[in-house]
mmCIF file of all heavy atoms, coordinates in Angstrom:
data_MODEL
# 
_entry.id   MODEL 
# 
loop_
_atom_site.group_PDB 
_atom_site.id 
_atom_site.type_symbol 
_atom_site.label_atom_id 
_atom_site.label_alt_id 
_atom_site.label_comp_id 
_atom_site.label_asym_id 
_atom_site.label_entity_id 
_atom_site.label_seq_id 
_atom_site.pdbx_PDB_ins_code 
_atom_site.Cartn_x 
_atom_site.Cartn_y 
_atom_site.Cartn_z 
_atom_site.occupancy 
_atom_site.B_iso_or_equiv 
_atom_site.pdbx_formal_charge 
_atom_site.auth_seq_id 
_atom_site.auth_comp_id 
_atom_site.auth_asym_id 
_atom_site.auth_atom_id 
_atom_site.pdbx_PDB_model_num 
ATOM 1   N N   . ALA A 1 1  ? -5.927  -12.640 -5.992  1.00 0.00 ? 1  ALA A N   1 
ATOM 2   C CA  . ALA A 1 1  ? -6.552  -11.322 -6.021  1.00 0.00 ? 1  ALA A CA  1 
ATOM 3   C C   . ALA A 1 1  ? -7.666  -11.271 -4.964  1.00 0.00 ? 1  ALA A C   1 
ATOM 4   O O   . ALA A 1 1  ? -8.551  -12.180 -4.919  1.00 0.00 ? 1  ALA A O   1 
ATOM 5   C CB  . ALA A 1 1  ? -7.153  -11.045 -7.377  1.00 0.00 ? 1  ALA A CB  1 
ATOM 6   N N   . THR A 1 2  ? -7.666  -10.267 -4.155  1.00 0.00 ? 2  THR A N   1 
ATOM 7   C CA  . THR A 1 2  ? -8.651  -10.102 -3.108  1.00 0.00 ? 2  THR A CA  1 
ATOM 8   C C   . THR A 1 2  ? -9.203  -8.619  -3.117  1.00 0.00 ? 2  THR A C   1 
ATOM 9   O O   . THR A 1 2  ? -8.454  -7.683  -3.277  1.00 0.00 ? 2  THR A O   1 
ATOM 10  C CB  . THR A 1 2  ? -8.058  -10.338 -1.705  1.00 0.00 ? 2  THR A CB  1 
ATOM 11  O OG1 . THR A 1 2  ? -7.412  -11.608 -1.690  1.00 0.00 ? 2  THR A OG1 1 
ATOM 12  C CG2 . THR A 1 2  ? -9.089  -10.332 -0.618  1.00 0.00 ? 2  THR A CG2 1 
ATOM 13  N N   . LEU A 1 3  ? -10.546 -8.551  -3.006  1.00 0.00 ? 3  LEU A N   1 
ATOM 14  C CA  . LEU A 1 3  ? -11.169 -7.200  -2.983  1.00 0.00 ? 3  LEU A CA  1 
ATOM 15  C C   . LEU A 1 3  ? -11.148 -6.663  -1.572  1.00 0.00 ? 3  LEU A C   1 
ATOM 16  O O   . LEU A 1 3  ? -11.633 -7.338  -0.620  1.00 0.00 ? 3  LEU A O   1 
ATOM 17  C CB  . LEU A 1 3  ? -12.634 -7.346  -3.539  1.00 0.00 ? 3  LEU A CB  1 
ATOM 18  C CG  . LEU A 1 3  ? -13.387 -5.997  -3.697  1.00 0.00 ? 3  LEU A CG  1 
ATOM 19  C CD1 . LEU A 1 3  ? -12.754 -5.128  -4.727  1.00 0.00 ? 3  LEU A CD1 1 
ATOM 20  C CD2 . LEU A 1 3  ? -14.840 -6.291  -3.978  1.00 0.00 ? 3  LEU A CD2 1 
ATOM 21  N N   . PHE A 1 4  ? -10.698 -5.467  -1.409  1.00 0.00 ? 4  PHE A N   1 
ATOM 22  C CA  . PHE A 1 4  ? -10.644 -4.818  -0.107  1.00 0.00 ? 4  PHE A CA  1 
ATOM 23  C C   . PHE A 1 4  ? -11.349 -3.478  -0.130  1.00 0.00 ? 4  PHE A C   1 
ATOM 24  O O   . PHE A 1 4  ? -11.292 -2.723  -1.195  1.00 0.00 ? 4  PHE A O   1 
ATOM 25  C CB  . PHE A 1 4  ? -9.205  -4.550  0.356   1.00 0.00 ? 4  PHE A CB  1 
ATOM 26  C CG  . PHE A 1 4  ? -8.404  -5.741  0.745   1.00 0.00 ? 4  PHE A CG  1 
ATOM 27  C CD1 . PHE A 1 4  ? -7.689  -6.465  -0.190  1.00 0.00 ? 4  PHE A CD1 1 
ATOM 28  C CD2 . PHE A 1 4  ? -8.364  -6.159  2.094   1.00 0.00 ? 4  PHE A CD2 1 
ATOM 29  C CE1 . PHE A 1 4  ? -6.927  -7.609  0.217   1.00 0.00 ? 4  PHE A CE1 1 
ATOM 30  C CE2 . PHE A 1 4  ? -7.624  -7.282  2.488   1.00 0.00 ? 4  PHE A CE2 1 
ATOM 31  C CZ  . PHE A 1 4  ? -6.909  -7.981  1.545   1.00 0.00 ? 4  PHE A CZ  1 
ATOM 32  N N   . THR A 1 5  ? -12.008 -3.037  0.956   1.00 0.00 ? 5  THR A N   1 
ATOM 33  C CA  . THR A 1 5  ? -12.324 -1.664  1.137   1.00 0.00 ? 5  THR A CA  1 
ATOM 34  C C   . THR A 1 5  ? -11.055 -0.985  1.614   1.00 0.00 ? 5  THR A C   1 
ATOM 35  O O   . THR A 1 5  ? -10.069 -1.623  2.065   1.00 0.00 ? 5  THR A O   1 
ATOM 36  C CB  . THR A 1 5  ? -13.402 -1.422  2.145   1.00 0.00 ? 5  THR A CB  1 
ATOM 37  O OG1 . THR A 1 5  ? -12.973 -1.884  3.444   1.00 0.00 ? 5  THR A OG1 1 
ATOM 38  C CG2 . THR A 1 5  ? -14.655 -2.199  1.781   1.00 0.00 ? 5  THR A CG2 1 
ATOM 39  N N   . VAL A 1 6  ? -11.006 0.349   1.488   1.00 0.00 ? 6  VAL A N   1 
ATOM 40  C CA  . VAL A 1 6  ? -9.871  1.078   2.017   1.00 0.00 ? 6  VAL A CA  1 
ATOM 41  C C   . VAL A 1 6  ? -9.675  0.816   3.492   1.00 0.00 ? 6  VAL A C   1 
ATOM 42  O O   . VAL A 1 6  ? -8.526  0.643   3.971   1.00 0.00 ? 6  VAL A O   1 
ATOM 43  C CB  . VAL A 1 6  ? -10.029 2.612   1.756   1.00 0.00 ? 6  VAL A CB  1 
ATOM 44  C CG1 . VAL A 1 6  ? -8.944  3.405   2.495   1.00 0.00 ? 6  VAL A CG1 1 
ATOM 45  C CG2 . VAL A 1 6  ? -9.913  2.867   0.260   1.00 0.00 ? 6  VAL A CG2 1 
ATOM 46  N N   . GLU A 1 7  ? -10.722 0.743   4.221   1.00 0.00 ? 7  GLU A N   1 
ATOM 47  C CA  . GLU A 1 7  ? -10.648 0.484   5.639   1.00 0.00 ? 7  GLU A CA  1 
ATOM 48  C C   . GLU A 1 7  ? -10.016 -0.877  5.898   1.00 0.00 ? 7  GLU A C   1 
ATOM 49  O O   . GLU A 1 7  ? -9.160  -0.983  6.741   1.00 0.00 ? 7  GLU A O   1 
ATOM 50  C CB  . GLU A 1 7  ? -12.053 0.518   6.242   1.00 0.00 ? 7  GLU A CB  1 
ATOM 51  C CG  . GLU A 1 7  ? -12.101 0.331   7.746   1.00 0.00 ? 7  GLU A CG  1 
ATOM 52  C CD  . GLU A 1 7  ? -13.512 0.419   8.328   1.00 0.00 ? 7  GLU A CD  1 
ATOM 53  O OE1 . GLU A 1 7  ? -14.474 -0.014  7.602   1.00 0.00 ? 7  GLU A OE1 1 
ATOM 54  O OE2 . GLU A 1 7  ? -13.657 0.961   9.422   1.00 0.00 ? 7  GLU A OE2 1 
ATOM 55  N N   . ASP A 1 8  ? -10.473 -1.919  5.220   1.00 0.00 ? 8  ASP A N   1 
ATOM 56  C CA  . ASP A 1 8  ? -9.938  -3.274  5.386   1.00 0.00 ? 8  ASP A CA  1 
ATOM 57  C C   . ASP A 1 8  ? -8.425  -3.371  4.991   1.00 0.00 ? 8  ASP A C   1 
ATOM 58  O O   . ASP A 1 8  ? -7.662  -4.004  5.659   1.00 0.00 ? 8  ASP A O   1 
ATOM 59  C CB  . ASP A 1 8  ? -10.738 -4.269  4.602   1.00 0.00 ? 8  ASP A CB  1 
ATOM 60  C CG  . ASP A 1 8  ? -12.143 -4.475  5.152   1.00 0.00 ? 8  ASP A CG  1 
ATOM 61  O OD1 . ASP A 1 8  ? -12.334 -4.084  6.353   1.00 0.00 ? 8  ASP A OD1 1 
ATOM 62  O OD2 . ASP A 1 8  ? -13.012 -4.918  4.384   1.00 0.00 ? 8  ASP A OD2 1 
ATOM 63  N N   . LEU A 1 9  ? -8.130  -2.672  3.891   1.00 0.00 ? 9  LEU A N   1 
ATOM 64  C CA  . LEU A 1 9  ? -6.746  -2.716  3.394   1.00 0.00 ? 9  LEU A CA  1 
ATOM 65  C C   . LEU A 1 9  ? -5.757  -2.206  4.383   1.00 0.00 ? 9  LEU A C   1 
ATOM 66  O O   . LEU A 1 9  ? -4.724  -2.782  4.604   1.00 0.00 ? 9  LEU A O   1 
ATOM 67  C CB  . LEU A 1 9  ? -6.619  -1.944  2.116   1.00 0.00 ? 9  LEU A CB  1 
ATOM 68  C CG  . LEU A 1 9  ? -5.286  -2.022  1.347   1.00 0.00 ? 9  LEU A CG  1 
ATOM 69  C CD1 . LEU A 1 9  ? -5.120  -3.401  0.714   1.00 0.00 ? 9  LEU A CD1 1 
ATOM 70  C CD2 . LEU A 1 9  ? -5.220  -0.921  0.297   1.00 0.00 ? 9  LEU A CD2 1 
ATOM 71  N N   . PHE A 1 10 ? -6.130  -1.069  5.071   1.00 0.00 ? 10 PHE A N   1 
ATOM 72  C CA  . PHE A 1 10 ? -5.194  -0.447  6.032   1.00 0.00 ? 10 PHE A CA  1 
ATOM 73  C C   . PHE A 1 10 ? -5.447  -0.870  7.489   1.00 0.00 ? 10 PHE A C   1 
ATOM 74  O O   . PHE A 1 10 ? -4.766  -0.411  8.341   1.00 0.00 ? 10 PHE A O   1 
ATOM 75  C CB  . PHE A 1 10 ? -5.327  1.077   5.952   1.00 0.00 ? 10 PHE A CB  1 
ATOM 76  C CG  . PHE A 1 10 ? -4.681  1.667   4.689   1.00 0.00 ? 10 PHE A CG  1 
ATOM 77  C CD1 . PHE A 1 10 ? -5.483  1.905   3.561   1.00 0.00 ? 10 PHE A CD1 1 
ATOM 78  C CD2 . PHE A 1 10 ? -3.339  1.950   4.656   1.00 0.00 ? 10 PHE A CD2 1 
ATOM 79  C CE1 . PHE A 1 10 ? -4.864  2.428   2.419   1.00 0.00 ? 10 PHE A CE1 1 
ATOM 80  C CE2 . PHE A 1 10 ? -2.727  2.477   3.537   1.00 0.00 ? 10 PHE A CE2 1 
ATOM 81  C CZ  . PHE A 1 10 ? -3.490  2.735   2.409   1.00 0.00 ? 10 PHE A CZ  1 
ATOM 82  N N   . SER A 1 11 ? -6.415  -1.798  7.709   1.00 0.00 ? 11 SER A N   1 
ATOM 83  C CA  . SER A 1 11 ? -6.617  -2.291  9.025   1.00 0.00 ? 11 SER A CA  1 
ATOM 84  C C   . SER A 1 11 ? -6.003  -3.627  9.263   1.00 0.00 ? 11 SER A C   1 
ATOM 85  O O   . SER A 1 11 ? -6.153  -4.234  10.327  1.00 0.00 ? 11 SER A O   1 
ATOM 86  C CB  . SER A 1 11 ? -8.188  -2.426  9.297   1.00 0.00 ? 11 SER A CB  1 
ATOM 87  O OG  . SER A 1 11 ? -8.791  -1.141  9.204   1.00 0.00 ? 11 SER A OG  1 
ATOM 88  N N   . GLU A 1 12 ? -5.307  -4.175  8.302   1.00 0.00 ? 12 GLU A N   1 
ATOM 89  C CA  . GLU A 1 12 ? -4.711  -5.463  8.392   1.00 0.00 ? 12 GLU A CA  1 
ATOM 90  C C   . GLU A 1 12 ? -3.475  -5.371  9.299   1.00 0.00 ? 12 GLU A C   1 
ATOM 91  O O   . GLU A 1 12 ? -2.450  -4.864  8.889   1.00 0.00 ? 12 GLU A O   1 
ATOM 92  C CB  . GLU A 1 12 ? -4.330  -6.003  7.000   1.00 0.00 ? 12 GLU A CB  1 
ATOM 93  C CG  . GLU A 1 12 ? -3.867  -7.425  6.984   1.00 0.00 ? 12 GLU A CG  1 
ATOM 94  C CD  . GLU A 1 12 ? -3.495  -7.918  5.605   1.00 0.00 ? 12 GLU A CD  1 
ATOM 95  O OE1 . GLU A 1 12 ? -3.677  -7.129  4.627   1.00 0.00 ? 12 GLU A OE1 1 
ATOM 96  O OE2 . GLU A 1 12 ? -3.097  -9.080  5.469   1.00 0.00 ? 12 GLU A OE2 1 
ATOM 97  N N   . ALA A 1 13 ? -3.585  -5.922  10.506  1.00 0.00 ? 13 ALA A N   1 
ATOM 98  C CA  . ALA A 1 13 ? -2.511  -5.842  11.447  1.00 0.00 ? 13 ALA A CA  1 
ATOM 99  C C   . ALA A 1 13 ? -1.296  -6.609  10.967  1.00 0.00 ? 13 ALA A C   1 
ATOM 100 O O   . ALA A 1 13 ? -1.419  -7.705  10.397  1.00 0.00 ? 13 ALA A O   1 
ATOM 101 C CB  . ALA A 1 13 ? -2.936  -6.389  12.814  1.00 0.00 ? 13 ALA A CB  1 
ATOM 102 N N   . GLY A 1 14 ? -0.117  -6.025  11.089  1.00 0.00 ? 14 GLY A N   1 
ATOM 103 C CA  . GLY A 1 14 ? 1.127   -6.671  10.710  1.00 0.00 ? 14 GLY A CA  1 
ATOM 104 C C   . GLY A 1 14 ? 1.444   -6.534  9.240   1.00 0.00 ? 14 GLY A C   1 
ATOM 105 O O   . GLY A 1 14 ? 2.431   -7.064  8.761   1.00 0.00 ? 14 GLY A O   1 
ATOM 106 N N   . ALA A 1 15 ? 0.613   -5.894  8.463   1.00 0.00 ? 15 ALA A N   1 
ATOM 107 C CA  . ALA A 1 15 ? 0.910   -5.730  7.049   1.00 0.00 ? 15 ALA A CA  1 
ATOM 108 C C   . ALA A 1 15 ? 1.769   -4.478  6.792   1.00 0.00 ? 15 ALA A C   1 
ATOM 109 O O   . ALA A 1 15 ? 1.446   -3.397  7.280   1.00 0.00 ? 15 ALA A O   1 
ATOM 110 C CB  . ALA A 1 15 ? -0.429  -5.598  6.247   1.00 0.00 ? 15 ALA A CB  1 
ATOM 111 N N   . HIS A 1 16 ? 2.843   -4.684  6.076   1.00 0.00 ? 16 HIS A N   1 
ATOM 112 C CA  . HIS A 1 16 ? 3.727   -3.613  5.738   1.00 0.00 ? 16 HIS A CA  1 
ATOM 113 C C   . HIS A 1 16 ? 3.771   -3.487  4.189   1.00 0.00 ? 16 HIS A C   1 
ATOM 114 O O   . HIS A 1 16 ? 4.078   -4.506  3.504   1.00 0.00 ? 16 HIS A O   1 
ATOM 115 C CB  . HIS A 1 16 ? 5.155   -3.859  6.209   1.00 0.00 ? 16 HIS A CB  1 
ATOM 116 C CG  . HIS A 1 16 ? 5.307   -3.753  7.713   1.00 0.00 ? 16 HIS A CG  1 
ATOM 117 N ND1 . HIS A 1 16 ? 6.493   -3.768  8.352   1.00 0.00 ? 16 HIS A ND1 1 
ATOM 118 C CD2 . HIS A 1 16 ? 4.398   -3.548  8.689   1.00 0.00 ? 16 HIS A CD2 1 
ATOM 119 C CE1 . HIS A 1 16 ? 6.311   -3.662  9.648   1.00 0.00 ? 16 HIS A CE1 1 
ATOM 120 N NE2 . HIS A 1 16 ? 5.033   -3.501  9.867   1.00 0.00 ? 16 HIS A NE2 1 
ATOM 121 N N   . TYR A 1 17 ? 3.462   -2.337  3.642   1.00 0.00 ? 17 TYR A N   1 
ATOM 122 C CA  . TYR A 1 17 ? 3.527   -2.107  2.272   1.00 0.00 ? 17 TYR A CA  1 
ATOM 123 C C   . TYR A 1 17 ? 4.839   -1.334  1.986   1.00 0.00 ? 17 TYR A C   1 
ATOM 124 O O   . TYR A 1 17 ? 5.034   -0.218  2.445   1.00 0.00 ? 17 TYR A O   1 
ATOM 125 C CB  . TYR A 1 17 ? 2.331   -1.305  1.725   1.00 0.00 ? 17 TYR A CB  1 
ATOM 126 C CG  . TYR A 1 17 ? 1.074   -2.084  1.830   1.00 0.00 ? 17 TYR A CG  1 
ATOM 127 C CD1 . TYR A 1 17 ? 0.190   -1.925  2.864   1.00 0.00 ? 17 TYR A CD1 1 
ATOM 128 C CD2 . TYR A 1 17 ? 0.750   -3.034  0.869   1.00 0.00 ? 17 TYR A CD2 1 
ATOM 129 C CE1 . TYR A 1 17 ? -0.970  -2.648  3.015   1.00 0.00 ? 17 TYR A CE1 1 
ATOM 130 C CE2 . TYR A 1 17 ? -0.441  -3.786  0.945   1.00 0.00 ? 17 TYR A CE2 1 
ATOM 131 C CZ  . TYR A 1 17 ? -1.304  -3.585  2.026   1.00 0.00 ? 17 TYR A CZ  1 
ATOM 132 O OH  . TYR A 1 17 ? -2.397  -4.345  2.143   1.00 0.00 ? 17 TYR A OH  1 
ATOM 133 N N   . GLU A 1 18 ? 5.703   -1.991  1.213   1.00 0.00 ? 18 GLU A N   1 
ATOM 134 C CA  . GLU A 1 18 ? 7.054   -1.406  0.984   1.00 0.00 ? 18 GLU A CA  1 
ATOM 135 C C   . GLU A 1 18 ? 7.206   -0.982  -0.449  1.00 0.00 ? 18 GLU A C   1 
ATOM 136 O O   . GLU A 1 18 ? 6.980   -1.738  -1.401  1.00 0.00 ? 18 GLU A O   1 
ATOM 137 C CB  . GLU A 1 18 ? 8.108   -2.529  1.286   1.00 0.00 ? 18 GLU A CB  1 
ATOM 138 C CG  . GLU A 1 18 ? 9.565   -2.045  1.113   1.00 0.00 ? 18 GLU A CG  1 
ATOM 139 C CD  . GLU A 1 18 ? 10.546  -3.161  1.371   1.00 0.00 ? 18 GLU A CD  1 
ATOM 140 O OE1 . GLU A 1 18 ? 10.781  -3.959  0.388   1.00 0.00 ? 18 GLU A OE1 1 
ATOM 141 O OE2 . GLU A 1 18 ? 11.031  -3.247  2.420   1.00 0.00 ? 18 GLU A OE2 1 
ATOM 142 N N   . ILE A 1 19 ? 7.556   0.299   -0.600  1.00 0.00 ? 19 ILE A N   1 
ATOM 143 C CA  . ILE A 1 19 ? 7.838   0.844   -1.987  1.00 0.00 ? 19 ILE A CA  1 
ATOM 144 C C   . ILE A 1 19 ? 9.296   0.536   -2.208  1.00 0.00 ? 19 ILE A C   1 
ATOM 145 O O   . ILE A 1 19 ? 10.159  1.111   -1.591  1.00 0.00 ? 19 ILE A O   1 
ATOM 146 C CB  . ILE A 1 19 ? 7.575   2.358   -2.008  1.00 0.00 ? 19 ILE A CB  1 
ATOM 147 C CG1 . ILE A 1 19 ? 6.223   2.711   -1.425  1.00 0.00 ? 19 ILE A CG1 1 
ATOM 148 C CG2 . ILE A 1 19 ? 7.712   2.843   -3.462  1.00 0.00 ? 19 ILE A CG2 1 
ATOM 149 C CD1 . ILE A 1 19 ? 5.086   2.071   -2.067  1.00 0.00 ? 19 ILE A CD1 1 
ATOM 150 N N   . PRO A 1 20 ? 9.574   -0.327  -3.241  1.00 0.00 ? 20 PRO A N   1 
ATOM 151 C CA  . PRO A 1 20 ? 10.956  -0.735  -3.452  1.00 0.00 ? 20 PRO A CA  1 
ATOM 152 C C   . PRO A 1 20 ? 11.827  0.428   -4.013  1.00 0.00 ? 20 PRO A C   1 
ATOM 153 O O   . PRO A 1 20 ? 11.324  1.367   -4.538  1.00 0.00 ? 20 PRO A O   1 
ATOM 154 C CB  . PRO A 1 20 ? 10.864  -1.866  -4.456  1.00 0.00 ? 20 PRO A CB  1 
ATOM 155 C CG  . PRO A 1 20 ? 9.510   -1.686  -5.115  1.00 0.00 ? 20 PRO A CG  1 
ATOM 156 C CD  . PRO A 1 20 ? 8.625   -1.049  -4.088  1.00 0.00 ? 20 PRO A CD  1 
ATOM 157 N N   . ILE A 1 21 ? 13.121  0.271   -3.935  1.00 0.00 ? 21 ILE A N   1 
ATOM 158 C CA  . ILE A 1 21 ? 14.050  1.341   -4.266  1.00 0.00 ? 21 ILE A CA  1 
ATOM 159 C C   . ILE A 1 21 ? 13.952  1.631   -5.784  1.00 0.00 ? 21 ILE A C   1 
ATOM 160 O O   . ILE A 1 21 ? 14.237  2.785   -6.183  1.00 0.00 ? 21 ILE A O   1 
ATOM 161 C CB  . ILE A 1 21 ? 15.492  0.943   -3.930  1.00 0.00 ? 21 ILE A CB  1 
ATOM 162 C CG1 . ILE A 1 21 ? 16.414  2.144   -4.114  1.00 0.00 ? 21 ILE A CG1 1 
ATOM 163 C CG2 . ILE A 1 21 ? 15.942  -0.282  -4.685  1.00 0.00 ? 21 ILE A CG2 1 
ATOM 164 C CD1 . ILE A 1 21 ? 16.115  3.331   -3.243  1.00 0.00 ? 21 ILE A CD1 1 
ATOM 165 N N   . TYR A 1 22 ? 13.559  0.658   -6.615  1.00 0.00 ? 22 TYR A N   1 
ATOM 166 C CA  . TYR A 1 22 ? 13.507  0.914   -8.060  1.00 0.00 ? 22 TYR A CA  1 
ATOM 167 C C   . TYR A 1 22 ? 12.302  1.722   -8.449  1.00 0.00 ? 22 TYR A C   1 
ATOM 168 O O   . TYR A 1 22 ? 12.161  2.201   -9.553  1.00 0.00 ? 22 TYR A O   1 
ATOM 169 C CB  . TYR A 1 22 ? 13.561  -0.381  -8.858  1.00 0.00 ? 22 TYR A CB  1 
ATOM 170 C CG  . TYR A 1 22 ? 12.520  -1.410  -8.473  1.00 0.00 ? 22 TYR A CG  1 
ATOM 171 C CD1 . TYR A 1 22 ? 11.196  -1.284  -8.892  1.00 0.00 ? 22 TYR A CD1 1 
ATOM 172 C CD2 . TYR A 1 22 ? 12.895  -2.501  -7.703  1.00 0.00 ? 22 TYR A CD2 1 
ATOM 173 C CE1 . TYR A 1 22 ? 10.242  -2.207  -8.510  1.00 0.00 ? 22 TYR A CE1 1 
ATOM 174 C CE2 . TYR A 1 22 ? 11.927  -3.455  -7.337  1.00 0.00 ? 22 TYR A CE2 1 
ATOM 175 C CZ  . TYR A 1 22 ? 10.641  -3.318  -7.764  1.00 0.00 ? 22 TYR A CZ  1 
ATOM 176 O OH  . TYR A 1 22 ? 9.703   -4.246  -7.420  1.00 0.00 ? 22 TYR A OH  1 
ATOM 177 N N   . GLN A 1 23 ? 11.317  1.945   -7.516  1.00 0.00 ? 23 GLN A N   1 
ATOM 178 C CA  . GLN A 1 23 ? 10.162  2.786   -7.791  1.00 0.00 ? 23 GLN A CA  1 
ATOM 179 C C   . GLN A 1 23 ? 10.514  4.257   -7.587  1.00 0.00 ? 23 GLN A C   1 
ATOM 180 O O   . GLN A 1 23 ? 11.346  4.552   -6.655  1.00 0.00 ? 23 GLN A O   1 
ATOM 181 C CB  . GLN A 1 23 ? 9.010   2.435   -6.863  1.00 0.00 ? 23 GLN A CB  1 
ATOM 182 C CG  . GLN A 1 23 ? 8.475   1.017   -7.144  1.00 0.00 ? 23 GLN A CG  1 
ATOM 183 C CD  . GLN A 1 23 ? 7.357   1.015   -8.162  1.00 0.00 ? 23 GLN A CD  1 
ATOM 184 O OE1 . GLN A 1 23 ? 7.338   1.870   -8.998  1.00 0.00 ? 23 GLN A OE1 1 
ATOM 185 N NE2 . GLN A 1 23 ? 6.453   0.061   -8.079  1.00 0.00 ? 23 GLN A NE2 1 
ATOM 186 N N   . ARG A 1 24 ? 9.992   5.128   -8.363  1.00 0.00 ? 24 ARG A N   1 
ATOM 187 C CA  . ARG A 1 24 ? 10.287  6.548   -8.224  1.00 0.00 ? 24 ARG A CA  1 
ATOM 188 C C   . ARG A 1 24 ? 9.649   7.115   -6.938  1.00 0.00 ? 24 ARG A C   1 
ATOM 189 O O   . ARG A 1 24 ? 8.814   6.447   -6.297  1.00 0.00 ? 24 ARG A O   1 
ATOM 190 C CB  . ARG A 1 24 ? 9.740   7.338   -9.413  1.00 0.00 ? 24 ARG A CB  1 
ATOM 191 C CG  . ARG A 1 24 ? 8.210   7.183   -9.563  1.00 0.00 ? 24 ARG A CG  1 
ATOM 192 C CD  . ARG A 1 24 ? 7.681   7.949   -10.769 1.00 0.00 ? 24 ARG A CD  1 
ATOM 193 N NE  . ARG A 1 24 ? 6.252   7.741   -10.930 1.00 0.00 ? 24 ARG A NE  1 
ATOM 194 C CZ  . ARG A 1 24 ? 5.480   8.442   -11.786 1.00 0.00 ? 24 ARG A CZ  1 
ATOM 195 N NH1 . ARG A 1 24 ? 6.001   9.341   -12.506 1.00 0.00 ? 24 ARG A NH1 1 
ATOM 196 N NH2 . ARG A 1 24 ? 4.204   8.163   -11.912 1.00 0.00 ? 24 ARG A NH2 1 
ATOM 197 N N   . ASN A 1 25 ? 10.120  8.274   -6.550  1.00 0.00 ? 25 ASN A N   1 
ATOM 198 C CA  . ASN A 1 25 ? 9.535   8.985   -5.384  1.00 0.00 ? 25 ASN A CA  1 
ATOM 199 C C   . ASN A 1 25 ? 8.044   9.333   -5.645  1.00 0.00 ? 25 ASN A C   1 
ATOM 200 O O   . ASN A 1 25 ? 7.590   9.306   -6.794  1.00 0.00 ? 25 ASN A O   1 
ATOM 201 C CB  . ASN A 1 25 ? 10.292  10.233  -5.071  1.00 0.00 ? 25 ASN A CB  1 
ATOM 202 C CG  . ASN A 1 25 ? 11.591  9.943   -4.350  1.00 0.00 ? 25 ASN A CG  1 
ATOM 203 O OD1 . ASN A 1 25 ? 11.683  8.993   -3.598  1.00 0.00 ? 25 ASN A OD1 1 
ATOM 204 N ND2 . ASN A 1 25 ? 12.602  10.780  -4.517  1.00 0.00 ? 25 ASN A ND2 1 
ATOM 205 N N   . TYR A 1 26 ? 7.381   9.722   -4.623  1.00 0.00 ? 26 TYR A N   1 
ATOM 206 C CA  . TYR A 1 26 ? 5.999   10.134  -4.771  1.00 0.00 ? 26 TYR A CA  1 
ATOM 207 C C   . TYR A 1 26 ? 5.951   11.377  -5.632  1.00 0.00 ? 26 TYR A C   1 
ATOM 208 O O   . TYR A 1 26 ? 6.663   12.357  -5.412  1.00 0.00 ? 26 TYR A O   1 
ATOM 209 C CB  . TYR A 1 26 ? 5.385   10.457  -3.409  1.00 0.00 ? 26 TYR A CB  1 
ATOM 210 C CG  . TYR A 1 26 ? 3.902   10.849  -3.482  1.00 0.00 ? 26 TYR A CG  1 
ATOM 211 C CD1 . TYR A 1 26 ? 2.955   9.900   -3.734  1.00 0.00 ? 26 TYR A CD1 1 
ATOM 212 C CD2 . TYR A 1 26 ? 3.510   12.181  -3.286  1.00 0.00 ? 26 TYR A CD2 1 
ATOM 213 C CE1 . TYR A 1 26 ? 1.612   10.253  -3.808  1.00 0.00 ? 26 TYR A CE1 1 
ATOM 214 C CE2 . TYR A 1 26 ? 2.219   12.575  -3.376  1.00 0.00 ? 26 TYR A CE2 1 
ATOM 215 C CZ  . TYR A 1 26 ? 1.225   11.573  -3.620  1.00 0.00 ? 26 TYR A CZ  1 
ATOM 216 O OH  . TYR A 1 26 ? -0.061  11.920  -3.725  1.00 0.00 ? 26 TYR A OH  1 
ATOM 217 N N   . SER A 1 27 ? 5.108   11.391  -6.712  1.00 0.00 ? 27 SER A N   1 
ATOM 218 C CA  . SER A 1 27 ? 5.121   12.441  -7.663  1.00 0.00 ? 27 SER A CA  1 
ATOM 219 C C   . SER A 1 27 ? 3.740   13.032  -7.974  1.00 0.00 ? 27 SER A C   1 
ATOM 220 O O   . SER A 1 27 ? 3.631   13.920  -8.803  1.00 0.00 ? 27 SER A O   1 
ATOM 221 C CB  . SER A 1 27 ? 5.765   11.951  -8.959  1.00 0.00 ? 27 SER A CB  1 
ATOM 222 O OG  . SER A 1 27 ? 4.984   10.892  -9.539  1.00 0.00 ? 27 SER A OG  1 
ATOM 223 N N   . TRP A 1 28 ? 2.686   12.501  -7.324  1.00 0.00 ? 28 TRP A N   1 
ATOM 224 C CA  . TRP A 1 28 ? 1.352   13.075  -7.688  1.00 0.00 ? 28 TRP A CA  1 
ATOM 225 C C   . TRP A 1 28 ? 1.280   14.536  -7.217  1.00 0.00 ? 28 TRP A C   1 
ATOM 226 O O   . TRP A 1 28 ? 1.761   14.886  -6.117  1.00 0.00 ? 28 TRP A O   1 
ATOM 227 C CB  . TRP A 1 28 ? 0.255   12.272  -7.022  1.00 0.00 ? 28 TRP A CB  1 
ATOM 228 C CG  . TRP A 1 28 ? -0.158  11.084  -7.834  1.00 0.00 ? 28 TRP A CG  1 
ATOM 229 C CD1 . TRP A 1 28 ? 0.554   10.521  -8.855  1.00 0.00 ? 28 TRP A CD1 1 
ATOM 230 C CD2 . TRP A 1 28 ? -1.387  10.380  -7.707  1.00 0.00 ? 28 TRP A CD2 1 
ATOM 231 N NE1 . TRP A 1 28 ? -0.185  9.431   -9.417  1.00 0.00 ? 28 TRP A NE1 1 
ATOM 232 C CE2 . TRP A 1 28 ? -1.348  9.350   -8.688  1.00 0.00 ? 28 TRP A CE2 1 
ATOM 233 C CE3 . TRP A 1 28 ? -2.463  10.452  -6.848  1.00 0.00 ? 28 TRP A CE3 1 
ATOM 234 C CZ2 . TRP A 1 28 ? -2.376  8.416   -8.839  1.00 0.00 ? 28 TRP A CZ2 1 
ATOM 235 C CZ3 . TRP A 1 28 ? -3.529  9.538   -7.029  1.00 0.00 ? 28 TRP A CZ3 1 
ATOM 236 C CH2 . TRP A 1 28 ? -3.493  8.588   -7.987  1.00 0.00 ? 28 TRP A CH2 1 
ATOM 237 N N   . ARG A 1 29 ? 0.594   15.380  -8.014  1.00 0.00 ? 29 ARG A N   1 
ATOM 238 C CA  . ARG A 1 29 ? 0.424   16.771  -7.717  1.00 0.00 ? 29 ARG A CA  1 
ATOM 239 C C   . ARG A 1 29 ? -1.087  17.108  -7.863  1.00 0.00 ? 29 ARG A C   1 
ATOM 240 O O   . ARG A 1 29 ? -1.900  16.233  -7.817  1.00 0.00 ? 29 ARG A O   1 
ATOM 241 C CB  . ARG A 1 29 ? 1.303   17.638  -8.606  1.00 0.00 ? 29 ARG A CB  1 
ATOM 242 C CG  . ARG A 1 29 ? 2.811   17.453  -8.288  1.00 0.00 ? 29 ARG A CG  1 
ATOM 243 C CD  . ARG A 1 29 ? 3.157   17.865  -6.875  1.00 0.00 ? 29 ARG A CD  1 
ATOM 244 N NE  . ARG A 1 29 ? 4.605   17.694  -6.559  1.00 0.00 ? 29 ARG A NE  1 
ATOM 245 C CZ  . ARG A 1 29 ? 5.066   16.663  -5.898  1.00 0.00 ? 29 ARG A CZ  1 
ATOM 246 N NH1 . ARG A 1 29 ? 4.221   15.662  -5.513  1.00 0.00 ? 29 ARG A NH1 1 
ATOM 247 N NH2 . ARG A 1 29 ? 6.342   16.579  -5.604  1.00 0.00 ? 29 ARG A NH2 1 
# 
């Protein structure tokens, strides 16, 4: 477990966050 700011989380070069096929589509409204 590592604590990140939003900036650090999305600034990590080479990091790919993959939503697997078994996860539902984006549904927030």
